[in-house]
Protein backbone atom coordinates (compact mmCIF):
# COMPACT_ATOMS: atom_id res chain seq x y z
CA MET A 1 95.29 290.42 180.79
CA THR A 2 98.66 292.34 181.02
CA ARG A 3 101.18 292.10 183.88
CA THR A 4 100.20 295.41 185.30
CA GLN A 5 96.52 294.39 185.18
CA ALA A 6 97.30 291.12 186.91
CA LEU A 7 99.43 292.62 189.64
CA ARG A 8 97.60 294.83 191.99
CA SER A 9 99.04 298.30 192.80
CA SER A 10 100.94 297.88 196.05
CA GLU A 11 99.58 301.28 197.41
CA ASP A 12 96.05 299.71 196.92
CA ARG A 13 97.30 296.59 198.84
CA LEU A 14 98.71 298.87 201.56
CA HIS A 15 95.50 300.34 202.32
CA GLN A 16 93.59 296.96 202.21
CA ALA A 17 96.13 295.11 204.46
CA GLN A 18 94.60 293.42 207.45
CA GLY A 19 97.63 292.12 209.23
CA ALA A 20 99.09 293.21 212.52
CA PRO A 21 98.32 296.80 213.25
CA SER A 22 101.04 299.36 212.44
CA LEU A 23 102.20 301.85 214.98
CA LEU A 24 103.14 304.12 212.04
CA ARG A 25 101.33 303.91 208.69
CA VAL A 26 102.39 306.54 205.92
CA GLU A 27 100.20 306.74 202.94
CA ASN A 28 101.18 308.55 199.77
CA LEU A 29 103.28 311.18 201.51
CA SER A 30 104.26 314.10 199.04
CA VAL A 31 106.44 316.98 199.73
CA ARG A 32 107.35 319.85 197.46
CA PHE A 33 109.73 322.77 197.66
CA ASP A 34 108.99 326.30 196.59
CA GLY A 35 110.81 326.95 193.20
CA SER A 36 110.57 323.24 192.00
CA PRO A 37 108.33 322.63 188.92
CA ASP A 38 104.76 322.33 189.69
CA ASP A 39 104.35 318.73 188.86
CA VAL A 40 107.69 317.56 190.65
CA ASN A 41 107.53 316.36 194.38
CA VAL A 42 110.85 315.76 196.12
CA VAL A 43 109.04 313.18 198.16
CA ASP A 44 106.43 311.58 195.74
CA HIS A 45 103.67 309.41 197.12
CA VAL A 46 105.82 307.64 199.55
CA SER A 47 103.94 304.73 201.65
CA PHE A 48 105.16 302.35 204.21
CA SER A 49 104.43 300.89 207.77
CA VAL A 50 106.32 299.99 210.68
CA GLU A 51 105.02 297.84 213.71
CA LYS A 52 105.76 298.03 217.30
CA GLY A 53 109.28 296.60 218.15
CA LYS A 54 110.31 296.40 214.50
CA THR A 55 112.92 298.20 212.54
CA LEU A 56 112.33 299.68 209.03
CA CYS A 57 115.41 300.68 207.16
CA ILE A 58 115.14 303.51 204.47
CA VAL A 59 118.05 303.23 201.86
CA GLY A 60 119.31 305.37 199.02
CA GLU A 61 121.91 307.81 197.96
CA SER A 62 121.94 311.39 199.22
CA GLY A 63 119.36 313.40 197.58
CA CYS A 64 116.78 310.47 197.34
CA GLY A 65 114.43 312.06 199.96
CA LYS A 66 115.19 309.97 202.90
CA SER A 67 115.72 312.84 205.53
CA VAL A 68 112.96 315.02 204.01
CA THR A 69 110.59 311.94 204.74
CA ALA A 70 111.71 311.90 208.24
CA LEU A 71 111.61 315.49 208.86
CA ALA A 72 108.06 315.74 207.50
CA LEU A 73 106.95 312.92 209.92
CA MET A 74 108.52 314.87 212.74
CA GLY A 75 107.07 318.15 211.77
CA LEU A 76 110.48 319.68 211.38
CA LEU A 77 110.37 320.77 207.71
CA PRO A 78 110.72 324.54 207.34
CA THR A 79 107.58 325.84 205.92
CA PRO A 80 108.04 327.81 203.65
CA PRO A 81 109.99 326.54 201.49
CA ALA A 82 108.71 323.06 201.99
CA ARG A 83 105.07 322.07 201.66
CA ILE A 84 103.33 318.77 202.33
CA VAL A 85 100.93 318.62 199.41
CA ALA A 86 99.36 315.16 200.03
CA GLY A 87 99.23 312.00 202.16
CA ARG A 88 98.73 310.82 205.67
CA ALA A 89 100.88 309.55 208.45
CA LEU A 90 98.81 307.59 211.00
CA PHE A 91 100.53 307.26 214.28
CA ALA A 92 98.65 305.24 216.89
CA GLY A 93 95.43 306.13 214.93
CA GLN A 94 96.17 309.91 214.77
CA ASP A 95 97.17 311.72 211.49
CA LEU A 96 100.53 313.38 212.34
CA LEU A 97 100.37 315.67 209.41
CA ALA A 98 96.88 317.07 210.37
CA LEU A 99 97.87 317.86 214.11
CA PRO A 100 98.18 321.38 215.18
CA GLU A 101 101.90 322.46 215.93
CA ARG A 102 101.34 322.69 219.60
CA GLN A 103 100.22 319.00 219.61
CA ARG A 104 103.11 318.07 217.47
CA ALA A 105 105.48 319.65 219.82
CA ASP A 106 103.82 317.68 222.73
CA MET A 107 104.57 314.42 220.86
CA ARG A 108 108.10 315.34 219.75
CA GLY A 109 110.75 314.02 222.27
CA ASN A 110 107.97 312.18 224.09
CA GLN A 111 105.93 309.49 221.86
CA THR A 112 108.31 310.32 218.96
CA ALA A 113 111.93 310.98 218.80
CA MET A 114 114.70 311.68 216.27
CA ILE A 115 118.57 311.15 216.25
CA PHE A 116 120.16 313.40 213.58
CA GLN A 117 123.24 312.89 211.48
CA GLU A 118 125.73 315.21 213.24
CA PRO A 119 125.34 315.71 216.89
CA MET A 120 127.79 318.73 217.02
CA THR A 121 125.11 320.77 215.12
CA SER A 122 122.20 319.30 216.91
CA LEU A 123 123.46 319.95 220.43
CA ASN A 124 123.34 323.47 222.07
CA PRO A 125 127.09 324.50 222.37
CA VAL A 126 126.23 326.95 225.33
CA PHE A 127 124.44 324.42 227.53
CA THR A 128 125.87 321.35 229.48
CA VAL A 129 124.93 317.84 228.34
CA GLY A 130 123.04 317.43 231.69
CA ASP A 131 121.00 320.64 231.15
CA GLN A 132 120.12 319.65 227.63
CA ILE A 133 118.81 316.16 228.64
CA THR A 134 116.98 317.44 231.58
CA GLU A 135 115.23 320.17 229.59
CA GLY A 136 113.68 317.65 227.42
CA ILE A 137 112.54 315.59 230.45
CA LEU A 138 110.90 318.53 232.18
CA ARG A 139 109.17 319.42 229.07
CA HIS A 140 107.15 316.27 228.80
CA ARG A 141 107.13 314.92 232.32
CA ALA A 142 105.48 316.52 235.49
CA ILE A 143 108.33 315.83 237.78
CA SER A 144 110.79 317.90 239.92
CA LYS A 145 114.06 319.33 238.52
CA ALA A 146 115.98 316.83 240.89
CA ALA A 147 114.10 313.90 239.59
CA ALA A 148 114.68 315.02 235.96
CA THR A 149 118.38 315.24 236.68
CA GLU A 150 118.39 311.81 238.12
CA ARG A 151 116.73 310.56 235.09
CA ALA A 152 119.26 312.28 232.79
CA LEU A 153 122.09 310.67 234.77
CA GLU A 154 120.39 307.22 234.54
CA MET A 155 120.15 307.75 230.73
CA LEU A 156 123.85 308.61 230.33
CA ARG A 157 124.71 305.36 232.31
CA ARG A 158 122.33 303.28 229.92
CA VAL A 159 124.22 304.63 226.84
CA ARG A 160 127.44 303.61 228.63
CA ILE A 161 129.01 307.00 228.76
CA PRO A 162 131.96 306.62 231.46
CA ALA A 163 131.92 308.86 234.50
CA PRO A 164 128.36 310.17 233.74
CA GLU A 165 128.37 312.54 236.72
CA LYS A 166 131.31 314.37 235.24
CA ARG A 167 129.80 314.29 231.68
CA MET A 168 126.58 315.92 233.04
CA ARG A 169 128.54 319.14 233.63
CA ALA A 170 130.54 318.89 230.19
CA TYR A 171 129.81 320.92 227.14
CA PRO A 172 129.35 319.21 223.63
CA HIS A 173 132.73 320.41 222.56
CA GLU A 174 134.41 318.71 225.45
CA LEU A 175 133.18 315.30 224.19
CA SER A 176 134.24 312.97 221.40
CA GLY A 177 132.00 312.40 218.33
CA GLY A 178 131.00 309.04 219.55
CA MET A 179 130.15 310.53 223.10
CA ARG A 180 128.01 313.32 221.53
CA GLN A 181 126.17 310.71 219.58
CA ARG A 182 125.60 308.67 222.82
CA VAL A 183 124.35 311.95 224.41
CA MET A 184 121.91 312.34 221.48
CA ILE A 185 120.64 308.87 221.85
CA ALA A 186 120.14 309.44 225.62
CA MET A 187 118.06 312.71 224.83
CA ALA A 188 116.06 310.90 222.35
CA LEU A 189 115.03 307.95 224.63
CA ALA A 190 114.88 309.86 227.89
CA ASN A 191 111.09 309.85 227.64
CA GLU A 192 110.56 306.37 226.26
CA PRO A 193 109.20 307.26 222.98
CA GLN A 194 107.15 304.67 220.91
CA LEU A 195 108.74 305.56 217.71
CA LEU A 196 112.52 306.43 217.06
CA ILE A 197 113.74 307.92 213.86
CA ALA A 198 117.62 307.65 213.44
CA ASP A 199 118.88 309.60 210.45
CA GLU A 200 122.40 308.28 209.46
CA PRO A 201 123.26 308.26 213.24
CA THR A 202 126.83 306.82 212.46
CA THR A 203 127.74 308.79 209.40
CA ALA A 204 130.33 311.06 211.24
CA LEU A 205 132.00 308.37 213.20
CA ASP A 206 134.81 306.02 212.47
CA VAL A 207 134.00 302.34 211.84
CA THR A 208 134.58 301.12 215.29
CA ILE A 209 132.46 303.56 216.81
CA GLN A 210 129.71 302.93 214.40
CA ALA A 211 129.40 299.37 215.42
CA GLN A 212 129.22 300.36 218.94
CA ILE A 213 126.48 302.88 218.33
CA ILE A 214 124.40 300.45 216.10
CA ALA A 215 124.72 297.84 218.67
CA LEU A 216 123.71 300.16 221.63
CA ILE A 217 120.60 301.35 219.59
CA ARG A 218 119.72 297.82 219.10
CA GLN A 219 119.99 296.73 222.71
CA LEU A 220 117.82 299.92 223.94
CA GLN A 221 115.18 299.10 221.27
CA ALA A 222 115.03 295.46 222.49
CA GLU A 223 114.68 296.58 226.19
CA SER A 224 112.16 299.22 225.33
CA GLY A 225 110.09 297.54 222.63
CA MET A 226 109.85 300.78 220.48
CA ALA A 227 109.74 300.76 216.76
CA MET A 228 112.46 302.27 214.71
CA ILE A 229 113.01 303.92 211.24
CA LEU A 230 116.73 303.82 210.45
CA ILE A 231 117.87 306.03 207.60
CA THR A 232 120.98 304.82 206.17
CA HIS A 233 123.19 304.08 203.06
CA ASP A 234 125.11 301.46 204.66
CA LEU A 235 123.75 298.22 203.37
CA GLY A 236 125.79 296.25 205.93
CA VAL A 237 124.02 298.01 208.76
CA VAL A 238 120.51 297.21 206.80
CA ALA A 239 121.38 293.58 206.83
CA GLU A 240 122.26 293.62 210.53
CA VAL A 241 119.34 295.42 211.96
CA ALA A 242 116.26 295.68 209.54
CA ASP A 243 113.12 293.81 209.54
CA GLU A 244 111.69 295.69 206.55
CA VAL A 245 113.54 297.69 203.94
CA VAL A 246 112.29 300.66 201.87
CA VAL A 247 114.65 301.63 198.92
CA MET A 248 114.20 305.28 197.70
CA TYR A 249 115.27 306.80 194.56
CA ALA A 250 114.72 310.70 193.53
CA GLY A 251 111.90 310.79 196.17
CA ARG A 252 110.10 307.53 195.17
CA VAL A 253 109.80 304.18 196.68
CA VAL A 254 111.45 301.94 193.99
CA GLU A 255 111.40 298.78 196.10
CA ARG A 256 110.21 297.52 199.59
CA GLY A 257 109.88 294.23 201.30
CA ALA A 258 111.30 292.13 204.07
CA VAL A 259 115.05 292.32 204.53
CA ASP A 260 115.64 288.67 203.55
CA ASP A 261 113.71 289.00 200.29
CA ILE A 262 115.47 292.27 199.41
CA PHE A 263 118.83 290.80 199.80
CA ALA A 264 118.00 287.28 198.49
CA ASP A 265 116.09 288.57 195.35
CA PRO A 266 116.37 292.34 194.52
CA GLN A 267 114.08 293.42 191.90
CA HIS A 268 114.87 296.86 190.92
CA PRO A 269 118.07 297.67 189.08
CA TYR A 270 118.65 300.55 191.60
CA THR A 271 118.59 298.03 194.61
CA ILE A 272 120.77 295.64 192.42
CA GLY A 273 123.29 298.44 191.74
CA LEU A 274 123.52 299.44 195.54
CA MET A 275 124.23 295.79 196.50
CA GLY A 276 126.90 295.34 193.97
CA SER A 277 128.66 298.49 195.12
CA VAL A 278 129.22 297.18 198.61
CA PRO A 279 132.83 295.92 199.46
CA SER A 280 133.39 292.45 200.88
CA LEU A 281 135.95 291.08 203.42
CA GLY A 282 136.17 287.80 201.48
CA ARG A 283 137.35 287.00 198.06
CA ARG A 284 135.08 288.84 195.58
CA GLN A 285 134.27 287.65 192.06
CA GLY A 286 134.71 290.46 189.66
CA ALA A 287 135.02 294.33 190.25
CA LEU A 288 132.62 296.35 192.42
CA THR A 289 129.58 297.61 190.60
CA THR A 290 129.30 301.49 189.97
CA ILE A 291 126.11 303.39 189.07
CA PRO A 292 127.03 306.11 186.72
CA GLY A 293 125.54 309.73 187.06
CA THR A 294 123.87 311.24 190.11
CA VAL A 295 120.35 311.72 191.51
CA PRO A 296 118.66 314.36 189.39
CA PRO A 297 117.48 317.64 190.91
CA ALA A 298 114.08 318.55 190.99
CA GLU A 299 114.20 320.87 187.99
CA LEU A 300 115.62 318.01 185.79
CA MET A 301 113.51 315.15 187.00
CA PRO A 302 112.91 312.74 184.16
CA ARG A 303 109.35 312.35 183.01
CA GLY A 304 109.04 308.49 183.24
CA CYS A 305 111.07 306.33 185.52
CA ARG A 306 113.31 308.49 187.59
CA PHE A 307 116.22 306.08 187.49
CA SER A 308 115.99 305.68 183.58
CA PRO A 309 118.97 307.99 182.83
CA ARG A 310 121.29 305.89 184.90
CA CYS A 311 119.62 302.27 184.21
CA PRO A 312 121.41 299.96 181.76
CA PHE A 313 117.98 298.30 180.81
CA ALA A 314 115.92 301.42 180.18
CA ASP A 315 113.95 301.60 176.95
CA GLN A 316 111.62 304.24 175.51
CA ARG A 317 108.63 303.05 177.78
CA CYS A 318 110.98 303.65 180.76
CA VAL A 319 111.88 307.14 179.58
CA SER A 320 108.18 308.20 178.78
CA ASP A 321 106.07 306.37 181.30
CA PRO A 322 106.48 306.31 185.06
CA PRO A 323 106.24 302.61 186.42
CA PRO A 324 103.70 301.87 189.10
CA LEU A 325 104.75 300.27 192.30
CA VAL A 326 103.40 296.80 192.06
CA GLU A 327 103.51 293.52 194.16
CA ILE A 328 105.81 291.02 192.51
CA ALA A 329 105.71 288.62 195.48
CA PRO A 330 103.90 288.48 198.66
CA ALA A 331 104.96 291.64 200.80
CA HIS A 332 107.54 292.40 197.98
CA ASP A 333 106.99 295.33 195.80
CA ALA A 334 109.09 297.05 192.99
CA ARG A 335 108.61 300.09 190.79
CA CYS A 336 110.12 298.72 187.45
CA TRP A 337 108.60 297.80 183.93
CA TYR A 338 110.73 294.69 183.89
CA ALA A 339 109.74 293.24 187.34
CA PRO A 340 109.71 290.39 188.06
CA LEU A 341 113.08 290.44 186.55
CA GLU A 342 113.15 286.65 186.10
CA LEU A 343 110.44 287.01 183.38
CA HIS A 344 112.68 289.23 181.29
CA ARG A 345 116.10 287.53 181.21
CA GLU A 346 116.38 287.80 177.45
CA VAL A 347 116.10 291.44 177.59
CA LEU A 348 118.27 292.17 180.74
CA ARG A 349 121.20 290.33 179.60
């Protein structure tokens, strides 16, 4: 029996899992853009799940499909040019991808919410902070404007914005980047969503403010019990906040598992490269690792393993045949012909 036959396809295992019920279960999500080759998906059969109160981190370089995945789940992809060509996203038993737009709009900002990368482009420059938070509350709650205003003020206090009464009357350009991001968090959590998607929420902020924002999100998550999908390229943040990790490359999941397993025993060359490129405060043995090349565009997507042009271990099979995502250890999956790597030490030296 071959190794591939011996190891079950992890996609099959995902469907058959009988563990704790997931708040969100994404099954074989595939997205294609108009103008791309007919057989190339920019998000290709992506599957993962997240439980209530847990944090799933999606990791990868720019262009790996992380944000497209998040926007597809939120129903915010522009159609055209984007098209969801396959998959399901079961949220509390409902398939998000099959819901009418009106029903999706009722869920956005209420049961599901999203924090975007750059708050300056996400906040409306001609409305005050208070008006923008209040609008979202009134959209989903049958309360008076006075009660919604009080709720907005309460949220600004919760995200530790100083002088919240004054900030309610401020416009976005009058706030710092860190304050604007806190406003975005207040807007996202105002209606107590069950699921929060945070797409690179600290990218535009300096290191000190980044730490404050991550700590704030974690505290608010602990208080509310919501599930969170955090999209990031910062492995330091992943190590600090994640329960589960999904590593994406060129639209495909190349590795996924519990955060401790991923960091202790990475099983895909791309994951290993990402970890080797992280600087350390302590004394380091050897130079930082670099991954040559860039993520390929859709029109140049490799036929086999999409990482093969950049992989130091790629052989002809990697170039010609796409590897399946398989279970290499309990709840730890990798998409590599050489996984588990421990069985191929002589080849990977």
